[in-house]
N, C-alpha and C. Protein backbone atom coordinates (compact mmCIF):
# COMPACT_ATOMS: atom_id res chain seq x y z
N MET A 1 21.03 74.09 12.94
CA MET A 1 20.79 74.47 14.91
C MET A 1 21.45 73.58 15.34
N LYS A 2 21.86 74.24 16.74
CA LYS A 2 22.86 73.78 17.61
C LYS A 2 22.01 72.96 18.53
N PRO A 3 22.49 71.35 18.60
CA PRO A 3 21.96 70.68 19.52
C PRO A 3 22.08 71.08 21.12
N GLN A 4 20.98 70.63 21.60
CA GLN A 4 21.36 70.90 23.53
C GLN A 4 22.33 70.27 23.75
N ALA A 5 23.17 70.73 24.94
CA ALA A 5 24.61 70.00 25.24
C ALA A 5 23.87 68.77 26.35
N LYS A 6 24.26 67.90 26.44
CA LYS A 6 24.00 66.86 27.21
C LYS A 6 24.80 67.02 28.81
N LEU A 7 24.32 66.70 29.77
CA LEU A 7 24.83 66.93 31.41
C LEU A 7 25.63 65.50 31.74
N ARG A 8 26.68 65.83 32.17
CA ARG A 8 27.37 64.69 33.21
C ARG A 8 26.57 63.68 33.86
N GLU A 9 25.61 64.42 34.49
CA GLU A 9 24.82 63.61 35.48
C GLU A 9 24.08 62.69 34.97
N ASN A 10 23.84 62.43 33.65
CA ASN A 10 23.25 61.69 33.26
C ASN A 10 23.81 60.58 32.50
N TYR A 11 25.16 60.21 32.62
CA TYR A 11 26.01 59.21 32.82
C TYR A 11 26.43 58.59 33.86
N PRO A 12 25.88 57.16 33.75
CA PRO A 12 26.46 56.57 35.17
C PRO A 12 28.07 55.96 34.99
N PHE A 13 28.99 56.13 33.88
CA PHE A 13 29.95 55.34 33.80
C PHE A 13 30.92 56.57 33.05
N ILE A 14 31.79 56.77 33.88
CA ILE A 14 32.71 57.97 33.38
C ILE A 14 34.26 57.50 32.98
N PHE A 15 34.75 58.09 32.10
CA PHE A 15 36.06 57.05 31.40
C PHE A 15 36.88 58.46 31.27
N PRO A 16 37.99 58.57 31.90
CA PRO A 16 39.05 59.62 31.50
C PRO A 16 40.09 59.16 30.80
N ILE A 17 40.11 60.26 29.98
CA ILE A 17 41.62 59.82 28.47
C ILE A 17 41.83 61.29 28.54
N GLN A 18 42.97 60.95 28.21
CA GLN A 18 44.19 61.88 28.46
C GLN A 18 44.66 62.23 26.81
N THR A 19 44.54 63.56 25.75
CA THR A 19 44.54 63.71 24.62
C THR A 19 45.92 63.55 24.50
N ARG A 20 46.53 63.29 23.33
CA ARG A 20 47.78 63.29 22.53
C ARG A 20 48.02 64.06 22.01
N TRP A 21 49.08 64.42 21.69
CA TRP A 21 49.44 65.70 20.91
C TRP A 21 49.39 64.76 19.76
N SER A 22 49.42 64.05 19.26
CA SER A 22 49.11 63.61 17.56
C SER A 22 47.31 63.92 17.29
N ASP A 23 46.76 64.02 18.65
CA ASP A 23 44.95 63.91 18.40
C ASP A 23 45.01 65.61 17.64
N ASN A 24 45.75 66.27 17.83
CA ASN A 24 45.06 67.51 17.14
C ASN A 24 45.87 67.46 15.80
N ASP A 25 45.13 68.37 15.09
CA ASP A 25 45.23 68.70 13.53
C ASP A 25 46.08 69.87 13.55
N ILE A 26 46.17 70.12 11.83
CA ILE A 26 46.72 71.55 11.50
C ILE A 26 45.86 72.81 12.12
N TYR A 27 44.73 72.56 12.64
CA TYR A 27 44.05 73.69 12.98
C TYR A 27 44.34 73.56 14.38
N GLY A 28 45.21 72.99 15.46
CA GLY A 28 45.21 73.21 16.24
C GLY A 28 44.50 72.81 17.73
N HIS A 29 43.10 71.79 16.86
CA HIS A 29 42.05 71.05 18.20
C HIS A 29 42.19 69.68 17.40
N VAL A 30 41.49 69.05 18.61
CA VAL A 30 41.70 67.59 18.14
C VAL A 30 40.89 67.08 16.76
N ASN A 31 41.06 66.61 16.01
CA ASN A 31 40.34 66.16 14.77
C ASN A 31 39.42 65.40 14.61
N ASN A 32 38.29 65.29 14.32
CA ASN A 32 36.87 64.90 14.75
C ASN A 32 37.20 63.45 14.60
N VAL A 33 37.80 63.01 13.48
CA VAL A 33 37.76 61.59 13.61
C VAL A 33 38.22 60.79 14.89
N ASN A 34 38.99 61.66 16.13
CA ASN A 34 39.44 60.79 17.35
C ASN A 34 38.51 60.94 18.38
N TYR A 35 37.30 61.51 17.63
CA TYR A 35 36.12 61.45 18.61
C TYR A 35 35.59 60.47 18.95
N TYR A 36 35.60 59.64 17.71
CA TYR A 36 34.95 58.11 17.61
C TYR A 36 35.80 57.19 18.59
N SER A 37 36.86 57.26 18.42
CA SER A 37 38.19 56.12 18.87
C SER A 37 37.26 56.84 20.31
N PHE A 38 37.44 58.19 20.67
CA PHE A 38 37.07 58.26 22.70
C PHE A 38 36.10 57.44 22.77
N PHE A 39 35.12 57.39 21.82
CA PHE A 39 33.59 56.88 21.97
C PHE A 39 34.06 55.75 21.76
N ASP A 40 35.04 54.87 21.00
CA ASP A 40 35.17 53.48 20.93
C ASP A 40 35.74 52.68 22.27
N SER A 41 36.70 53.48 22.91
CA SER A 41 37.32 53.45 24.08
C SER A 41 36.66 53.13 25.20
N ALA A 42 35.71 54.50 25.51
CA ALA A 42 34.59 54.30 26.53
C ALA A 42 33.52 53.48 26.71
N ALA A 43 33.16 53.10 25.67
CA ALA A 43 32.02 51.79 25.40
C ALA A 43 32.99 50.66 25.83
N ASN A 44 34.09 50.50 25.42
CA ASN A 44 34.60 48.67 25.56
C ASN A 44 35.34 48.88 26.87
N ALA A 45 35.63 49.87 27.80
CA ALA A 45 35.92 49.86 29.11
C ALA A 45 34.88 49.32 29.80
N LEU A 46 33.75 50.38 29.29
CA LEU A 46 32.45 49.75 30.47
C LEU A 46 32.04 48.07 30.39
N LEU A 47 32.69 47.35 29.30
CA LEU A 47 32.10 46.25 29.23
C LEU A 47 33.37 45.62 29.87
N ILE A 48 34.87 46.19 29.85
CA ILE A 48 35.57 45.30 30.38
C ILE A 48 36.20 45.63 31.66
N LYS A 49 35.48 46.54 32.01
CA LYS A 49 35.56 46.97 33.17
C LYS A 49 34.48 46.73 34.19
N LYS A 50 32.92 46.61 33.74
CA LYS A 50 32.26 46.64 34.42
C LYS A 50 31.47 45.29 34.28
N ALA A 51 31.29 45.04 33.33
CA ALA A 51 30.95 43.28 32.44
C ALA A 51 31.63 42.22 32.45
N HIS A 52 33.13 42.34 32.70
CA HIS A 52 34.38 41.40 32.72
C HIS A 52 34.55 41.04 31.45
N PHE A 53 33.83 41.40 30.12
CA PHE A 53 34.15 41.33 28.68
C PHE A 53 35.22 41.06 28.74
N ASP A 54 35.96 39.56 28.17
CA ASP A 54 37.27 39.38 28.29
C ASP A 54 37.63 39.60 25.75
N ILE A 55 37.85 40.77 25.69
CA ILE A 55 37.79 40.86 24.64
C ILE A 55 39.02 39.78 23.63
N HIS A 56 39.69 39.63 24.24
CA HIS A 56 40.85 38.30 24.03
C HIS A 56 40.13 36.87 24.13
N HIS A 57 39.65 36.91 24.29
CA HIS A 57 39.38 35.31 24.36
C HIS A 57 37.71 35.03 24.66
N SER A 58 37.10 35.98 24.64
CA SER A 58 35.37 36.02 24.57
C SER A 58 35.17 34.95 23.17
N THR A 59 33.95 33.85 23.40
CA THR A 59 33.71 33.53 21.92
C THR A 59 32.69 34.61 21.13
N ILE A 60 32.52 35.39 22.23
CA ILE A 60 31.57 36.66 20.74
C ILE A 60 32.44 38.16 21.13
N ILE A 61 32.24 39.02 19.96
CA ILE A 61 32.84 40.39 20.15
C ILE A 61 32.07 41.60 19.21
N GLY A 62 32.11 42.29 20.08
CA GLY A 62 31.13 43.41 19.68
C GLY A 62 31.51 44.22 18.13
N LEU A 63 30.88 43.91 17.31
CA LEU A 63 31.32 44.92 15.89
C LEU A 63 30.38 46.65 16.12
N VAL A 64 30.65 47.54 15.52
CA VAL A 64 30.05 48.76 15.80
C VAL A 64 29.38 48.54 14.15
N VAL A 65 28.21 48.97 14.27
CA VAL A 65 27.22 48.84 13.04
C VAL A 65 27.04 50.34 13.06
N SER A 66 27.17 51.26 13.97
CA SER A 66 26.50 52.64 13.96
C SER A 66 27.17 53.08 14.97
N SER A 67 27.35 54.31 14.08
CA SER A 67 28.06 55.95 15.02
C SER A 67 27.96 57.32 14.45
N SER A 68 27.67 57.99 15.69
CA SER A 68 27.23 59.56 14.97
C SER A 68 28.18 60.30 15.93
N CYS A 69 27.84 61.70 15.81
CA CYS A 69 28.76 62.42 16.87
C CYS A 69 28.31 63.93 16.56
N GLN A 70 27.93 64.55 17.02
CA GLN A 70 27.43 65.91 17.40
C GLN A 70 29.06 66.54 18.00
N PHE A 71 29.63 68.00 17.28
CA PHE A 71 30.52 68.44 17.92
C PHE A 71 30.24 69.95 18.57
N LEU A 72 30.31 70.11 19.89
CA LEU A 72 29.82 71.03 19.98
C LEU A 72 30.83 72.19 20.52
N GLN A 73 32.09 71.87 21.44
CA GLN A 73 33.18 72.52 21.62
C GLN A 73 34.42 71.90 21.26
N GLU A 74 35.54 72.95 21.06
CA GLU A 74 36.61 72.21 20.79
C GLU A 74 37.27 71.67 21.72
N LEU A 75 38.10 70.67 21.55
CA LEU A 75 39.30 69.90 22.43
C LEU A 75 40.36 70.18 22.09
N CYS A 76 41.13 70.67 22.72
CA CYS A 76 42.88 70.77 22.29
C CYS A 76 43.37 69.94 23.26
N TYR A 77 44.50 69.01 22.76
CA TYR A 77 46.28 68.51 23.43
C TYR A 77 46.68 69.82 24.62
N PRO A 78 46.74 69.36 25.68
CA PRO A 78 46.97 68.50 26.24
C PRO A 78 46.02 68.06 27.31
N GLU A 79 44.46 68.29 27.10
CA GLU A 79 43.43 68.24 27.96
C GLU A 79 43.06 66.63 28.24
N VAL A 80 42.49 66.51 29.74
CA VAL A 80 42.55 65.60 29.83
C VAL A 80 40.43 65.62 29.94
N ILE A 81 39.96 64.67 28.82
CA ILE A 81 38.78 64.64 29.00
C ILE A 81 37.87 63.36 29.40
N GLU A 82 36.71 63.31 29.85
CA GLU A 82 35.96 62.20 30.54
C GLU A 82 34.84 62.17 29.51
N VAL A 83 34.98 60.52 29.30
CA VAL A 83 33.98 60.55 28.13
C VAL A 83 32.58 59.63 28.94
N GLY A 84 31.28 60.17 28.99
CA GLY A 84 30.16 59.35 29.63
C GLY A 84 29.77 58.65 28.69
N VAL A 85 29.33 57.29 29.52
CA VAL A 85 28.70 56.02 28.84
C VAL A 85 27.41 55.99 29.33
N ALA A 86 26.27 55.86 28.70
CA ALA A 86 25.04 55.14 29.51
C ALA A 86 24.59 54.26 28.43
N ILE A 87 23.72 53.18 28.93
CA ILE A 87 23.28 52.73 27.80
C ILE A 87 21.47 52.63 27.26
N LYS A 88 21.68 52.82 25.91
CA LYS A 88 20.63 53.39 25.75
C LYS A 88 19.08 52.53 25.62
N ARG A 89 19.75 51.27 24.91
CA ARG A 89 19.00 50.55 24.54
C ARG A 89 19.74 48.88 24.35
N MET A 90 19.25 47.93 25.20
CA MET A 90 20.02 46.64 25.29
C MET A 90 18.74 46.10 24.12
N GLY A 91 19.61 45.34 23.27
CA GLY A 91 18.33 44.08 22.33
C GLY A 91 19.04 42.85 22.76
N ASN A 92 18.64 42.08 22.37
CA ASN A 92 19.14 40.80 22.27
C ASN A 92 20.04 40.24 22.15
N SER A 93 20.73 40.90 21.09
CA SER A 93 22.28 40.82 20.50
C SER A 93 23.07 42.36 20.35
N SER A 94 22.26 43.35 20.67
CA SER A 94 22.58 44.55 20.66
C SER A 94 22.66 45.54 21.81
N LEU A 95 23.77 46.40 21.96
CA LEU A 95 23.86 47.77 22.98
C LEU A 95 24.07 49.04 21.98
N GLU A 96 22.87 49.87 22.08
CA GLU A 96 23.04 51.22 21.83
C GLU A 96 23.36 51.98 23.04
N TYR A 97 24.48 52.50 22.85
CA TYR A 97 25.35 53.48 23.71
C TYR A 97 24.95 55.02 23.62
N ASP A 98 24.83 55.86 24.70
CA ASP A 98 24.44 57.27 24.62
C ASP A 98 25.68 57.64 24.97
N LEU A 99 26.65 58.42 24.59
CA LEU A 99 28.03 58.80 25.01
C LEU A 99 28.03 60.26 24.79
N ALA A 100 28.79 60.81 25.55
CA ALA A 100 29.04 62.69 25.67
C ALA A 100 30.51 62.94 26.23
N ILE A 101 31.35 63.51 25.56
CA ILE A 101 32.41 64.22 25.87
C ILE A 101 32.55 65.04 26.75
N PHE A 102 33.05 65.27 27.74
CA PHE A 102 33.21 66.29 28.61
C PHE A 102 34.85 66.78 29.45
N LYS A 103 34.93 68.08 28.75
CA LYS A 103 36.13 68.96 29.35
C LYS A 103 35.86 68.32 30.94
N ALA A 104 37.32 68.34 31.66
CA ALA A 104 37.57 68.35 32.71
C ALA A 104 37.21 69.69 33.48
N ASN A 105 36.10 69.12 34.75
CA ASN A 105 35.56 69.82 35.75
C ASN A 105 34.31 70.99 34.73
N GLN A 106 33.90 70.03 33.79
CA GLN A 106 32.64 70.95 32.86
C GLN A 106 31.77 70.39 32.91
N ASN A 107 30.13 70.80 33.25
CA ASN A 107 29.28 69.69 33.55
C ASN A 107 28.19 69.33 31.75
N THR A 108 28.60 70.31 31.02
CA THR A 108 28.14 70.51 29.33
C THR A 108 28.96 69.71 28.51
N ALA A 109 28.04 68.71 27.93
CA ALA A 109 29.24 68.30 26.77
C ALA A 109 30.13 68.85 25.85
N ALA A 110 30.87 68.71 25.62
CA ALA A 110 32.10 69.30 23.95
C ALA A 110 31.16 68.50 23.15
N ALA A 111 31.01 66.92 23.56
CA ALA A 111 30.69 66.45 22.04
C ALA A 111 29.80 65.26 22.38
N GLN A 112 28.55 64.98 21.38
CA GLN A 112 27.84 64.06 22.19
C GLN A 112 27.49 63.10 20.83
N GLY A 113 27.06 61.61 21.27
CA GLY A 113 26.73 61.55 20.42
C GLY A 113 26.28 59.59 20.56
N GLN A 114 26.20 58.48 19.51
CA GLN A 114 25.81 57.38 19.94
C GLN A 114 26.81 56.35 19.02
N PHE A 115 26.12 55.11 19.32
CA PHE A 115 27.26 53.91 19.43
C PHE A 115 26.63 52.69 19.22
N ILE A 116 26.91 52.04 18.61
CA ILE A 116 25.80 50.74 18.27
C ILE A 116 26.72 49.69 18.40
N HIS A 117 26.61 48.39 19.23
CA HIS A 117 27.49 47.16 19.33
C HIS A 117 26.41 45.83 18.53
N VAL A 118 26.55 45.70 17.80
CA VAL A 118 25.94 44.53 17.50
C VAL A 118 27.52 42.85 18.05
N PHE A 119 26.95 41.84 18.79
CA PHE A 119 27.50 41.31 19.09
C PHE A 119 27.28 39.95 18.25
N VAL A 120 28.39 39.34 18.28
CA VAL A 120 28.62 37.83 17.00
C VAL A 120 29.39 37.11 17.25
N ASP A 121 29.04 35.91 16.66
CA ASP A 121 30.31 35.02 17.43
C ASP A 121 31.57 35.08 16.78
N ARG A 122 32.81 34.53 17.29
CA ARG A 122 33.98 35.75 16.93
C ARG A 122 34.49 35.14 15.58
N GLU A 123 33.81 33.71 15.41
CA GLU A 123 34.49 32.64 14.37
C GLU A 123 33.52 33.20 12.99
N GLN A 124 32.41 32.89 13.24
CA GLN A 124 31.29 32.84 12.48
C GLN A 124 30.87 34.26 11.77
N ARG A 125 30.83 35.04 12.52
CA ARG A 125 30.59 36.59 12.55
C ARG A 125 28.99 36.29 12.67
N LYS A 126 28.36 35.76 13.31
CA LYS A 126 26.93 35.37 13.20
C LYS A 126 26.06 36.46 14.25
N SER A 127 25.62 37.19 14.35
CA SER A 127 24.85 37.77 15.83
C SER A 127 24.53 36.71 16.65
N THR A 128 24.63 37.06 18.14
CA THR A 128 24.77 36.07 18.73
C THR A 128 23.83 36.89 20.09
N PRO A 129 23.36 36.16 20.85
CA PRO A 129 22.65 36.96 22.01
C PRO A 129 23.74 37.60 23.27
N ILE A 130 23.64 38.87 23.77
CA ILE A 130 24.10 38.69 24.78
C ILE A 130 24.14 37.94 26.01
N PRO A 131 25.57 37.46 26.75
CA PRO A 131 25.20 36.96 27.26
C PRO A 131 24.49 36.81 29.11
N MET A 132 23.89 36.50 29.60
CA MET A 132 23.14 36.80 30.72
C MET A 132 23.64 37.38 31.58
N ASN A 133 24.91 36.98 32.08
CA ASN A 133 25.73 37.62 33.09
C ASN A 133 26.51 38.98 32.90
N MET A 134 26.32 39.18 31.54
CA MET A 134 26.86 40.07 30.73
C MET A 134 25.38 41.50 31.12
N ARG A 135 24.34 40.96 30.54
CA ARG A 135 23.37 41.58 30.95
C ARG A 135 23.12 42.27 32.23
N GLN A 136 23.38 41.21 32.69
CA GLN A 136 22.99 41.89 34.05
C GLN A 136 23.52 43.10 35.10
N ALA A 137 24.82 42.72 34.51
CA ALA A 137 26.36 43.48 34.90
C ALA A 137 25.99 44.83 34.37
N LEU A 138 25.39 45.00 32.95
CA LEU A 138 25.02 46.14 32.20
C LEU A 138 23.97 46.83 32.94
N GLN A 139 22.65 46.43 33.22
CA GLN A 139 21.61 47.25 33.89
C GLN A 139 21.77 48.37 34.75
N ALA A 140 23.24 48.07 35.58
CA ALA A 140 23.25 49.54 36.04
C ALA A 140 23.80 50.88 35.42
N PHE A 141 23.92 50.41 34.36
CA PHE A 141 24.51 51.23 33.10
C PHE A 141 23.39 51.96 32.21
N MET A 142 22.13 51.46 32.31
CA MET A 142 21.15 51.62 31.53
C MET A 142 20.56 53.43 32.35
N GLN A 143 20.40 53.95 30.84
CA GLN A 143 19.77 55.38 30.82
C GLN A 143 18.39 55.12 32.16
N VAL A 144 18.09 55.98 33.03
CA VAL A 144 16.80 55.70 33.76
C VAL A 144 15.89 56.74 32.78
N GLU A 145 16.05 57.75 32.06
CA GLU A 145 15.15 58.39 31.19
C GLU A 145 15.18 57.87 29.90
N PRO A 146 14.18 58.41 29.11
CA PRO A 146 13.97 58.17 28.22
C PRO A 146 15.25 58.70 27.22
N GLU A 147 15.47 59.94 27.37
CA GLU A 147 16.50 60.94 27.17
C GLU A 147 17.16 61.68 27.91
N PRO A 148 18.70 61.79 28.00
CA PRO A 148 19.07 62.84 29.12
C PRO A 148 18.92 64.18 29.33
N LYS A 149 18.99 64.69 30.22
CA LYS A 149 18.14 65.93 30.79
C LYS A 149 19.43 66.75 29.75
N LEU A 150 18.72 68.00 28.82
CA LEU A 150 19.61 69.20 28.21
C LEU A 150 19.32 70.35 29.19
N ILE A 151 20.33 71.11 28.61
CA ILE A 151 20.40 72.38 29.20
C ILE A 151 19.60 73.54 27.95
């Protein structure tokens, strides 16, 4: 059974990405592994741009512990896509993101999934709480509804 496509309006952060020639596979569409890279780039862009997370010098780093993707429509080079990001849950040391990939000027997701970061000490790799300033900055990107609206 095909899942219901999520809607662009459910995502408070939108990150544009230009697909590349090398993203396509022999079948003429963006290969599935690239969708995870798009999710990773968008989640980190949210942290860097909106929570001022310094990926090079921060004492903590976010490690991906889980990710999933449902593929609903093909993407092809040279499309410009937009990745919608919402934070589904903010734990003591983790963020669970709800993500969706949209074709330009399209309201329904071409792909959708989830991604979980666990924040750890950069040196010791032990779980560490998300700093308060980061938590406060990310509050604006929390999902308002338990689940996004579906069509």
